[in-house]
């Protein structure tokens, strides 16, 4: 348990250090243009962080749909297996002379 918490602490500290390093390097102000629309000027770090966050959210939503479909499929297959096992039990209990 303690080793797991230690690894988690190292990962969190590495992420914090990476964020500070990225913030220090990417201080340039940029404005993004989409056709006629232009965003306010913000540092490159914040645009990168926003893109990372958006990708993270989109990925989590996509995986939640995939996971939900897999759980539904597993439930359906489990019901089919239970029905097949019940039918097999009934067939084993039948007399051969009937």
PDB file of N, CA and C in Angstrom:
ATOM      1  N   UNK A   1       0.835  -1.197   0.000  1.00  0.00           N
ATOM      2  CA  UNK A   1       0.000   0.000   0.000  1.00  0.00           C
ATOM      3  C   UNK A   1       0.873   1.252   0.000  1.00  0.00           C
ATOM      4  N   UNK A   2       1.918   1.246   0.803  1.00  0.00           N
ATOM      5  CA  UNK A   2       2.787   2.419   0.895  1.00  0.00           C
ATOM      6  C   UNK A   2       3.566   2.614  -0.414  1.00  0.00           C
ATOM      7  N   UNK A   3       3.972   1.510  -1.037  1.00  0.00           N
ATOM      8  CA  UNK A   3       4.702   1.620  -2.304  1.00  0.00           C
ATOM      9  C   UNK A   3       3.809   2.237  -3.379  1.00  0.00           C
ATOM     10  N   UNK A   4       2.532   1.864  -3.378  1.00  0.00           N
ATOM     11  CA  UNK A   4       1.580   2.417  -4.344  1.00  0.00           C
ATOM     12  C   UNK A   4       1.416   3.913  -4.149  1.00  0.00           C
ATOM     13  N   UNK A   5       1.312   4.344  -2.900  1.00  0.00           N
ATOM     14  CA  UNK A   5       1.182   5.779  -2.623  1.00  0.00           C
ATOM     15  C   UNK A   5       2.460   6.527  -3.010  1.00  0.00           C
ATOM     16  N   UNK A   6       3.611   5.889  -2.786  1.00  0.00           N
ATOM     17  CA  UNK A   6       4.875   6.508  -3.187  1.00  0.00           C
ATOM     18  C   UNK A   6       4.953   6.711  -4.684  1.00  0.00           C
ATOM     19  N   UNK A   7       4.523   5.697  -5.452  1.00  0.00           N
ATOM     20  CA  UNK A   7       4.529   5.825  -6.916  1.00  0.00           C
ATOM     21  C   UNK A   7       3.568   6.920  -7.372  1.00  0.00           C
ATOM     22  N   UNK A   8       2.409   6.965  -6.737  1.00  0.00           N
ATOM     23  CA  UNK A   8       1.441   8.000  -7.073  1.00  0.00           C
ATOM     24  C   UNK A   8       2.004   9.389  -6.793  1.00  0.00           C
ATOM     25  N   UNK A   9       2.676   9.549  -5.674  1.00  0.00           N
ATOM     26  CA  UNK A   9       3.284  10.828  -5.328  1.00  0.00           C
ATOM     27  C   UNK A   9       4.349  11.222  -6.342  1.00  0.00           C
ATOM     28  N   UNK A  10       5.158  10.261  -6.782  1.00  0.00           N
ATOM     29  CA  UNK A  10       6.196  10.548  -7.775  1.00  0.00           C
ATOM     30  C   UNK A  10       5.556  10.981  -9.093  1.00  0.00           C
ATOM     31  N   UNK A  11       4.493  10.312  -9.504  1.00  0.00           N
ATOM     32  CA  UNK A  11       3.820  10.670 -10.755  1.00  0.00           C
ATOM     33  C   UNK A  11       3.218  12.066 -10.662  1.00  0.00           C
ATOM     34  N   UNK A  12       2.566  12.366  -9.549  1.00  0.00           N
ATOM     35  CA  UNK A  12       1.959  13.693  -9.372  1.00  0.00           C
ATOM     36  C   UNK A  12       3.040  14.774  -9.374  1.00  0.00           C
ATOM     37  N   UNK A  13       4.129  14.534  -8.672  1.00  0.00           N
ATOM     38  CA  UNK A  13       5.221  15.512  -8.653  1.00  0.00           C
ATOM     39  C   UNK A  13       5.831  15.700 -10.033  1.00  0.00           C
ATOM     40  N   UNK A  14       5.957  14.610 -10.796  1.00  0.00           N
ATOM     41  CA  UNK A  14       6.481  14.711 -12.159  1.00  0.00           C
ATOM     42  C   UNK A  14       5.539  15.537 -13.036  1.00  0.00           C
ATOM     43  N   UNK A  15       4.239  15.327 -12.895  1.00  0.00           N
ATOM     44  CA  UNK A  15       3.280  16.116 -13.677  1.00  0.00           C
ATOM     45  C   UNK A  15       3.323  17.590 -13.307  1.00  0.00           C
ATOM     46  N   UNK A  16       3.440  17.881 -12.027  1.00  0.00           N
ATOM     47  CA  UNK A  16       3.527  19.279 -11.588  1.00  0.00           C
ATOM     48  C   UNK A  16       4.809  19.916 -12.126  1.00  0.00           C
ATOM     49  N   UNK A  17       5.917  19.180 -12.045  1.00  0.00           N
ATOM     50  CA  UNK A  17       7.181  19.706 -12.565  1.00  0.00           C
ATOM     51  C   UNK A  17       7.087  19.939 -14.071  1.00  0.00           C
ATOM     52  N   UNK A  18       6.449  19.016 -14.791  1.00  0.00           N
ATOM     53  CA  UNK A  18       6.286  19.180 -16.229  1.00  0.00           C
ATOM     54  C   UNK A  18       5.456  20.417 -16.544  1.00  0.00           C
ATOM     55  N   UNK A  19       4.382  20.624 -15.792  1.00  0.00           N
ATOM     56  CA  UNK A  19       3.530  21.802 -16.020  1.00  0.00           C
ATOM     57  C   UNK A  19       4.298  23.098 -15.789  1.00  0.00           C
ATOM     58  N   UNK A  20       5.085  23.139 -14.717  1.00  0.00           N
ATOM     59  CA  UNK A  20       5.873  24.351 -14.458  1.00  0.00           C
ATOM     60  C   UNK A  20       6.934  24.566 -15.531  1.00  0.00           C
ATOM     61  N   UNK A  21       7.555  23.486 -15.992  1.00  0.00           N
ATOM     62  CA  UNK A  21       8.553  23.616 -17.060  1.00  0.00           C
ATOM     63  C   UNK A  21       7.899  24.089 -18.351  1.00  0.00           C
ATOM     64  N   UNK A  22       6.737  23.521 -18.673  1.00  0.00           N
ATOM     65  CA  UNK A  22       6.033  23.946 -19.886  1.00  0.00           C
ATOM     66  C   UNK A  22       5.576  25.384 -19.776  1.00  0.00           C
ATOM     67  N   UNK A  23       5.156  25.792 -18.593  1.00  0.00           N
ATOM     68  CA  UNK A  23       4.734  27.171 -18.375  1.00  0.00           C
ATOM     69  C   UNK A  23       5.912  28.133 -18.541  1.00  0.00           C
ATOM     70  N   UNK A  24       7.077  27.732 -18.067  1.00  0.00           N
ATOM     71  CA  UNK A  24       8.250  28.594 -18.165  1.00  0.00           C
ATOM     72  C   UNK A  24       8.720  28.743 -19.607  1.00  0.00           C
ATOM     73  N   UNK A  25       8.599  27.684 -20.387  1.00  0.00           N
ATOM     74  CA  UNK A  25       9.100  27.709 -21.760  1.00  0.00           C
ATOM     75  C   UNK A  25       8.108  28.372 -22.708  1.00  0.00           C
ATOM     76  N   UNK A  26       6.840  28.144 -22.506  1.00  0.00           N
ATOM     77  CA  UNK A  26       5.817  28.604 -23.453  1.00  0.00           C
ATOM     78  C   UNK A  26       5.125  29.860 -22.949  1.00  0.00           C
ATOM     79  N   UNK A  27       5.857  30.953 -22.856  1.00  0.00           N
ATOM     80  CA  UNK A  27       5.279  32.202 -22.365  1.00  0.00           C
ATOM     81  C   UNK A  27       4.825  33.138 -23.481  1.00  0.00           C
ATOM     82  N   UNK A  28       5.091  32.760 -24.714  1.00  0.00           N
ATOM     83  CA  UNK A  28       4.710  33.629 -25.830  1.00  0.00           C
ATOM     84  C   UNK A  28       3.201  33.775 -25.946  1.00  0.00           C
ATOM     85  N   UNK A  29       2.762  34.980 -26.226  1.00  0.00           N
ATOM     86  CA  UNK A  29       1.335  35.267 -26.371  1.00  0.00           C
ATOM     87  C   UNK A  29       0.927  35.035 -27.827  1.00  0.00           C
ATOM     88  N   UNK A  30      -0.139  34.270 -28.021  1.00  0.00           N
ATOM     89  CA  UNK A  30      -0.639  34.024 -29.373  1.00  0.00           C
ATOM     90  C   UNK A  30      -2.158  34.163 -29.381  1.00  0.00           C
ATOM     91  N   UNK A  31      -2.663  34.519 -30.539  1.00  0.00           N
ATOM     92  CA  UNK A  31      -4.108  34.561 -30.764  1.00  0.00           C
ATOM     93  C   UNK A  31      -4.401  33.601 -31.908  1.00  0.00           C
ATOM     94  N   UNK A  32      -5.412  32.785 -31.749  1.00  0.00           N
ATOM     95  CA  UNK A  32      -5.784  31.840 -32.789  1.00  0.00           C
ATOM     96  C   UNK A  32      -6.866  32.464 -33.662  1.00  0.00           C
ATOM     97  N   UNK A  33      -6.761  32.212 -34.983  1.00  0.00           N
ATOM     98  CA  UNK A  33      -7.742  32.744 -35.923  1.00  0.00           C
ATOM     99  C   UNK A  33      -8.463  31.610 -36.620  1.00  0.00           C
ATOM    100  N   UNK A  34      -9.788  31.693 -36.640  1.00  0.00           N
ATOM    101  CA  UNK A  34     -10.634  30.747 -37.351  1.00  0.00           C
ATOM    102  C   UNK A  34     -11.506  31.561 -38.301  1.00  0.00           C
ATOM    103  N   UNK A  35     -11.181  31.526 -39.571  1.00  0.00           N
ATOM    104  CA  UNK A  35     -11.840  32.324 -40.592  1.00  0.00           C
ATOM    105  C   UNK A  35     -11.821  33.796 -40.192  1.00  0.00           C
ATOM    106  N   UNK A  36     -12.956  34.365 -39.802  1.00  0.00           N
ATOM    107  CA  UNK A  36     -12.986  35.782 -39.450  1.00  0.00           C
ATOM    108  C   UNK A  36     -12.948  35.996 -37.933  1.00  0.00           C
ATOM    109  N   UNK A  37     -12.994  34.932 -37.169  1.00  0.00           N
ATOM    110  CA  UNK A  37     -13.031  35.028 -35.708  1.00  0.00           C
ATOM    111  C   UNK A  37     -11.628  34.868 -35.128  1.00  0.00           C
ATOM    112  N   UNK A  38     -11.304  35.692 -34.156  1.00  0.00           N
ATOM    113  CA  UNK A  38      -9.971  35.634 -33.535  1.00  0.00           C
ATOM    114  C   UNK A  38     -10.131  35.573 -32.022  1.00  0.00           C
ATOM    115  N   UNK A  39      -9.331  34.711 -31.400  1.00  0.00           N
ATOM    116  CA  UNK A  39      -9.380  34.567 -29.943  1.00  0.00           C
ATOM    117  C   UNK A  39      -8.521  35.650 -29.296  1.00  0.00           C
ATOM    118  N   UNK A  40      -8.729  35.901 -28.022  1.00  0.00           N
ATOM    119  CA  UNK A  40      -7.833  36.834 -27.331  1.00  0.00           C
ATOM    120  C   UNK A  40      -6.429  36.236 -27.218  1.00  0.00           C
ATOM    121  N   UNK A  41      -5.451  37.087 -27.034  1.00  0.00           N
ATOM    122  CA  UNK A  41      -4.075  36.600 -26.907  1.00  0.00           C
ATOM    123  C   UNK A  41      -3.861  35.978 -25.539  1.00  0.00           C
ATOM    124  N   UNK A  42      -3.406  34.738 -25.567  1.00  0.00           N
ATOM    125  CA  UNK A  42      -3.134  33.965 -24.359  1.00  0.00           C
ATOM    126  C   UNK A  42      -1.822  33.238 -24.591  1.00  0.00           C
ATOM    127  N   UNK A  43      -1.118  32.877 -23.522  1.00  0.00           N
ATOM    128  CA  UNK A  43       0.162  32.199 -23.698  1.00  0.00           C
ATOM    129  C   UNK A  43      -0.038  30.812 -24.305  1.00  0.00           C
ATOM    130  N   UNK A  44       0.988  30.344 -24.984  1.00  0.00           N
ATOM    131  CA  UNK A  44       0.950  29.049 -25.659  1.00  0.00           C
ATOM    132  C   UNK A  44       0.649  27.938 -24.657  1.00  0.00           C
ATOM    133  N   UNK A  45       1.176  28.057 -23.447  1.00  0.00           N
ATOM    134  CA  UNK A  45       0.959  27.036 -22.421  1.00  0.00           C
ATOM    135  C   UNK A  45      -0.526  26.806 -22.186  1.00  0.00           C
ATOM    136  N   UNK A  46      -1.300  27.875 -22.081  1.00  0.00           N
ATOM    137  CA  UNK A  46      -2.722  27.720 -21.799  1.00  0.00           C
ATOM    138  C   UNK A  46      -3.460  27.093 -22.962  1.00  0.00           C
ATOM    139  N   UNK A  47      -3.053  27.408 -24.213  1.00  0.00           N
ATOM    140  CA  UNK A  47      -3.660  26.751 -25.363  1.00  0.00           C
ATOM    141  C   UNK A  47      -3.339  25.266 -25.361  1.00  0.00           C
ATOM    142  N   UNK A  48      -2.087  24.924 -25.053  1.00  0.00           N
ATOM    143  CA  UNK A  48      -1.706  23.513 -24.993  1.00  0.00           C
ATOM    144  C   UNK A  48      -2.455  22.785 -23.879  1.00  0.00           C
ATOM    145  N   UNK A  49      -2.579  23.426 -22.727  1.00  0.00           N
ATOM    146  CA  UNK A  49      -3.297  22.827 -21.611  1.00  0.00           C
ATOM    147  C   UNK A  49      -4.776  22.647 -21.962  1.00  0.00           C
ATOM    148  N   UNK A  50      -5.364  23.617 -22.648  1.00  0.00           N
ATOM    149  CA  UNK A  50      -6.757  23.511 -23.070  1.00  0.00           C
ATOM    150  C   UNK A  50      -6.935  22.362 -24.073  1.00  0.00           C
ATOM    151  N   UNK A  51      -6.009  22.245 -25.015  1.00  0.00           N
ATOM    152  CA  UNK A  51      -6.093  21.157 -25.994  1.00  0.00           C
ATOM    153  C   UNK A  51      -5.934  19.797 -25.312  1.00  0.00           C
ATOM    154  N   UNK A  52      -5.023  19.698 -24.362  1.00  0.00           N
ATOM    155  CA  UNK A  52      -4.833  18.456 -23.622  1.00  0.00           C
ATOM    156  C   UNK A  52      -6.097  18.110 -22.834  1.00  0.00           C
ATOM    157  N   UNK A  53      -6.658  19.088 -22.140  1.00  0.00           N
ATOM    158  CA  UNK A  53      -7.871  18.857 -21.358  1.00  0.00           C
ATOM    159  C   UNK A  53      -9.050  18.438 -22.232  1.00  0.00           C
ATOM    160  N   UNK A  54      -9.202  19.107 -23.384  1.00  0.00           N
ATOM    161  CA  UNK A  54     -10.291  18.757 -24.303  1.00  0.00           C
ATOM    162  C   UNK A  54     -10.106  17.334 -24.825  1.00  0.00           C
ATOM    163  N   UNK A  55      -8.886  16.968 -25.159  1.00  0.00           N
ATOM    164  CA  UNK A  55      -8.612  15.606 -25.611  1.00  0.00           C
ATOM    165  C   UNK A  55      -8.882  14.587 -24.527  1.00  0.00           C
ATOM    166  N   UNK A  56      -8.531  14.933 -23.305  1.00  0.00           N
ATOM    167  CA  UNK A  56      -8.779  14.048 -22.178  1.00  0.00           C
ATOM    168  C   UNK A  56     -10.274  13.825 -21.978  1.00  0.00           C
ATOM    169  N   UNK A  57     -11.049  14.893 -22.017  1.00  0.00           N
ATOM    170  CA  UNK A  57     -12.500  14.780 -21.829  1.00  0.00           C
ATOM    171  C   UNK A  57     -13.129  13.989 -22.975  1.00  0.00           C
ATOM    172  N   UNK A  58     -12.741  14.272 -24.206  1.00  0.00           N
ATOM    173  CA  UNK A  58     -13.288  13.550 -25.354  1.00  0.00           C
ATOM    174  C   UNK A  58     -12.922  12.069 -25.281  1.00  0.00           C
ATOM    175  N   UNK A  59     -11.699  11.773 -24.900  1.00  0.00           N
ATOM    176  CA  UNK A  59     -11.272  10.383 -24.755  1.00  0.00           C
ATOM    177  C   UNK A  59     -12.039   9.657 -23.662  1.00  0.00           C
ATOM    178  N   UNK A  60     -12.238  10.326 -22.534  1.00  0.00           N
ATOM    179  CA  UNK A  60     -13.001   9.698 -21.446  1.00  0.00           C
ATOM    180  C   UNK A  60     -14.451   9.453 -21.844  1.00  0.00           C
ATOM    181  N   UNK A  61     -15.061  10.406 -22.542  1.00  0.00           N
ATOM    182  CA  UNK A  61     -16.441  10.203 -23.010  1.00  0.00           C
ATOM    183  C   UNK A  61     -16.515   9.050 -24.005  1.00  0.00           C
ATOM    184  N   UNK A  62     -15.570   9.002 -24.920  1.00  0.00           N
ATOM    185  CA  UNK A  62     -15.545   7.910 -25.891  1.00  0.00           C
ATOM    186  C   UNK A  62     -15.372   6.559 -25.221  1.00  0.00           C
ATOM    187  N   UNK A  63     -14.478   6.479 -24.262  1.00  0.00           N
ATOM    188  CA  UNK A  63     -14.254   5.219 -23.565  1.00  0.00           C
ATOM    189  C   UNK A  63     -15.444   4.833 -22.698  1.00  0.00           C
ATOM    190  N   UNK A  64     -16.165   5.816 -22.175  1.00  0.00           N
ATOM    191  CA  UNK A  64     -17.337   5.473 -21.374  1.00  0.00           C
ATOM    192  C   UNK A  64     -18.407   4.840 -22.256  1.00  0.00           C
ATOM    193  N   UNK A  65     -18.569   5.322 -23.497  1.00  0.00           N
ATOM    194  CA  UNK A  65     -19.521   4.705 -24.411  1.00  0.00           C
ATOM    195  C   UNK A  65     -19.081   3.294 -24.780  1.00  0.00           C
ATOM    196  N   UNK A  66     -17.810   3.119 -25.063  1.00  0.00           N
ATOM    197  CA  UNK A  66     -17.298   1.793 -25.403  1.00  0.00           C
ATOM    198  C   UNK A  66     -17.481   0.840 -24.223  1.00  0.00           C
ATOM    199  N   UNK A  67     -17.176   1.312 -23.033  1.00  0.00           N
ATOM    200  CA  UNK A  67     -17.313   0.491 -21.831  1.00  0.00           C
ATOM    201  C   UNK A  67     -18.773   0.129 -21.577  1.00  0.00           C
ATOM    202  N   UNK A  68     -19.672   1.068 -21.756  1.00  0.00           N
ATOM    203  CA  UNK A  68     -21.099   0.790 -21.556  1.00  0.00           C
ATOM    204  C   UNK A  68     -21.587  -0.254 -22.549  1.00  0.00           C
ATOM    205  N   UNK A  69     -21.188  -0.146 -23.799  1.00  0.00           N
ATOM    206  CA  UNK A  69     -21.576  -1.146 -24.798  1.00  0.00           C
ATOM    207  C   UNK A  69     -21.022  -2.512 -24.450  1.00  0.00           C
ATOM    208  N   UNK A  70     -19.786  -2.562 -23.970  1.00  0.00           N
ATOM    209  CA  UNK A  70     -19.186  -3.846 -23.590  1.00  0.00           C
ATOM    210  C   UNK A  70     -19.925  -4.456 -22.401  1.00  0.00           C
ATOM    211  N   UNK A  71     -20.309  -3.625 -21.423  1.00  0.00           N
ATOM    212  CA  UNK A  71     -21.052  -4.146 -20.272  1.00  0.00           C
ATOM    213  C   UNK A  71     -22.425  -4.678 -20.692  1.00  0.00           C
ATOM    214  N   UNK A  72     -23.111  -3.968 -21.593  1.00  0.00           N
ATOM    215  CA  UNK A  72     -24.397  -4.448 -22.082  1.00  0.00           C
ATOM    216  C   UNK A  72     -24.243  -5.766 -22.827  1.00  0.00           C
ATOM    217  N   UNK A  73     -23.232  -5.870 -23.661  1.00  0.00           N
ATOM    218  CA  UNK A  73     -22.969  -7.116 -24.396  1.00  0.00           C
ATOM    219  C   UNK A  73     -22.641  -8.247 -23.429  1.00  0.00           C
ATOM    220  N   UNK A  74     -21.861  -7.960 -22.398  1.00  0.00           N
ATOM    221  CA  UNK A  74     -21.508  -8.979 -21.409  1.00  0.00           C
ATOM    222  C   UNK A  74     -22.754  -9.448 -20.659  1.00  0.00           C
ATOM    223  N   UNK A  75     -23.643  -8.536 -20.309  1.00  0.00           N
ATOM    224  CA  UNK A  75     -24.887  -8.897 -19.635  1.00  0.00           C
ATOM    225  C   UNK A  75     -25.744  -9.804 -20.515  1.00  0.00           C
ATOM    226  N   UNK A  76     -25.839  -9.456 -21.783  1.00  0.00           N
ATOM    227  CA  UNK A  76     -26.620 -10.253 -22.721  1.00  0.00           C
ATOM    228  C   UNK A  76     -26.032 -11.656 -22.859  1.00  0.00           C
ATOM    229  N   UNK A  77     -24.731 -11.737 -23.001  1.00  0.00           N
ATOM    230  CA  UNK A  77     -24.080 -13.040 -23.123  1.00  0.00           C
ATOM    231  C   UNK A  77     -24.204 -13.851 -21.845  1.00  0.00           C
ATOM    232  N   UNK A  78     -24.177 -13.189 -20.708  1.00  0.00           N
ATOM    233  CA  UNK A  78     -24.349 -13.876 -19.435  1.00  0.00           C
ATOM    234  C   UNK A  78     -25.746 -14.481 -19.332  1.00  0.00           C
ATOM    235  N   UNK A  79     -26.759 -13.730 -19.775  1.00  0.00           N
ATOM    236  CA  UNK A  79     -28.130 -14.260 -19.774  1.00  0.00           C
ATOM    237  C   UNK A  79     -28.259 -15.460 -20.699  1.00  0.00           C
ATOM    238  N   UNK A  80     -27.640 -15.381 -21.879  1.00  0.00           N
ATOM    239  CA  UNK A  80     -27.680 -16.498 -22.816  1.00  0.00           C
ATOM    240  C   UNK A  80     -26.992 -17.725 -22.230  1.00  0.00           C
ATOM    241  N   UNK A  81     -25.870 -17.509 -21.558  1.00  0.00           N
ATOM    242  CA  UNK A  81     -25.149 -18.617 -20.935  1.00  0.00           C
ATOM    243  C   UNK A  81     -25.987 -19.253 -19.835  1.00  0.00           C
ATOM    244  N   UNK A  82     -26.623 -18.438 -19.010  1.00  0.00           N
ATOM    245  CA  UNK A  82     -27.481 -18.978 -17.944  1.00  0.00           C
ATOM    246  C   UNK A  82     -28.623 -19.800 -18.529  1.00  0.00           C
ATOM    247  N   UNK A  83     -29.261 -19.302 -19.594  1.00  0.00           N
ATOM    248  CA  UNK A  83     -30.355 -20.032 -20.233  1.00  0.00           C
ATOM    249  C   UNK A  83     -29.853 -21.350 -20.807  1.00  0.00           C
ATOM    250  N   UNK A  84     -28.686 -21.331 -21.434  1.00  0.00           N
ATOM    251  CA  UNK A  84     -28.121 -22.560 -22.007  1.00  0.00           C
ATOM    252  C   UNK A  84     -27.780 -23.565 -20.921  1.00  0.00           C
ATOM    253  N   UNK A  85     -27.222 -23.108 -19.824  1.00  0.00           N
ATOM    254  CA  UNK A  85     -26.884 -24.012 -18.723  1.00  0.00           C
ATOM    255  C   UNK A  85     -28.146 -24.601 -18.095  1.00  0.00           C
ATOM    256  N   UNK A  86     -29.198 -23.798 -17.970  1.00  0.00           N
ATOM    257  CA  UNK A  86     -30.455 -24.298 -17.411  1.00  0.00           C
ATOM    258  C   UNK A  86     -31.056 -25.355 -18.346  1.00  0.00           C
ATOM    259  N   UNK A  87     -31.024 -25.091 -19.649  1.00  0.00           N
ATOM    260  CA  UNK A  87     -31.536 -26.058 -20.614  1.00  0.00           C
ATOM    261  C   UNK A  87     -30.723 -27.348 -20.565  1.00  0.00           C
ATOM    262  N   UNK A  88     -29.411 -27.237 -20.423  1.00  0.00           N
ATOM    263  CA  UNK A  88     -28.553 -28.413 -20.327  1.00  0.00           C
ATOM    264  C   UNK A  88     -28.886 -29.225 -19.081  1.00  0.00           C
ATOM    265  N   UNK A  89     -29.114 -28.562 -17.952  1.00  0.00           N
ATOM    266  CA  UNK A  89     -29.491 -29.264 -16.719  1.00  0.00           C
ATOM    267  C   UNK A  89     -30.813 -30.007 -16.905  1.00  0.00           C
ATOM    268  N   UNK A  90     -31.767 -29.346 -17.561  1.00  0.00           N
ATOM    269  CA  UNK A  90     -33.061 -29.987 -17.796  1.00  0.00           C
ATOM    270  C   UNK A  90     -32.907 -31.211 -18.692  1.00  0.00           C
ATOM    271  N   UNK A  91     -32.078 -31.101 -19.723  1.00  0.00           N
ATOM    272  CA  UNK A  91     -31.867 -32.236 -20.624  1.00  0.00           C
ATOM    273  C   UNK A  91     -31.156 -33.382 -19.920  1.00  0.00           C
ATOM    274  N   UNK A  92     -30.267 -33.115 -19.011  1.00  0.00           N
ATOM    275  CA  UNK A  92     -29.564 -34.164 -18.271  1.00  0.00           C
ATOM    276  C   UNK A  92     -30.505 -34.884 -17.320  1.00  0.00           C
ATOM    277  N   UNK A  93     -31.501 -34.180 -16.827  1.00  0.00           N
ATOM    278  CA  UNK A  93     -32.441 -34.787 -15.884  1.00  0.00           C
ATOM    279  C   UNK A  93     -33.516 -35.603 -16.572  1.00  0.00           C
ATOM    280  N   UNK A  94     -33.664 -35.493 -17.889  1.00  0.00           N
ATOM    281  CA  UNK A  94     -34.661 -36.272 -18.602  1.00  0.00           C
ATOM    282  C   UNK A  94     -34.266 -37.749 -18.597  1.00  0.00           C
ATOM    283  N   UNK A  95     -35.245 -38.578 -18.525  1.00  0.00           N
ATOM    284  CA  UNK A  95     -34.991 -40.019 -18.581  1.00  0.00           C
ATOM    285  C   UNK A  95     -34.717 -40.412 -20.013  1.00  0.00           C
ATOM    286  N   UNK A  96     -33.840 -41.361 -20.217  1.00  0.00           N
ATOM    287  CA  UNK A  96     -33.517 -41.821 -21.554  1.00  0.00           C
ATOM    288  C   UNK A  96     -34.624 -42.692 -22.121  1.00  0.00           C
ATOM    289  N   UNK A  97     -35.492 -43.257 -21.293  1.00  0.00           N
ATOM    290  CA  UNK A  97     -36.512 -44.170 -21.748  1.00  0.00           C
ATOM    291  C   UNK A  97     -37.829 -43.471 -22.060  1.00  0.00           C
ATOM    292  N   UNK A  98     -37.935 -42.174 -21.920  1.00  0.00           N
ATOM    293  CA  UNK A  98     -39.199 -41.464 -22.179  1.00  0.00           C
ATOM    294  C   UNK A  98     -39.478 -41.298 -23.620  1.00  0.00           C
TER     295      UNK A  98
END
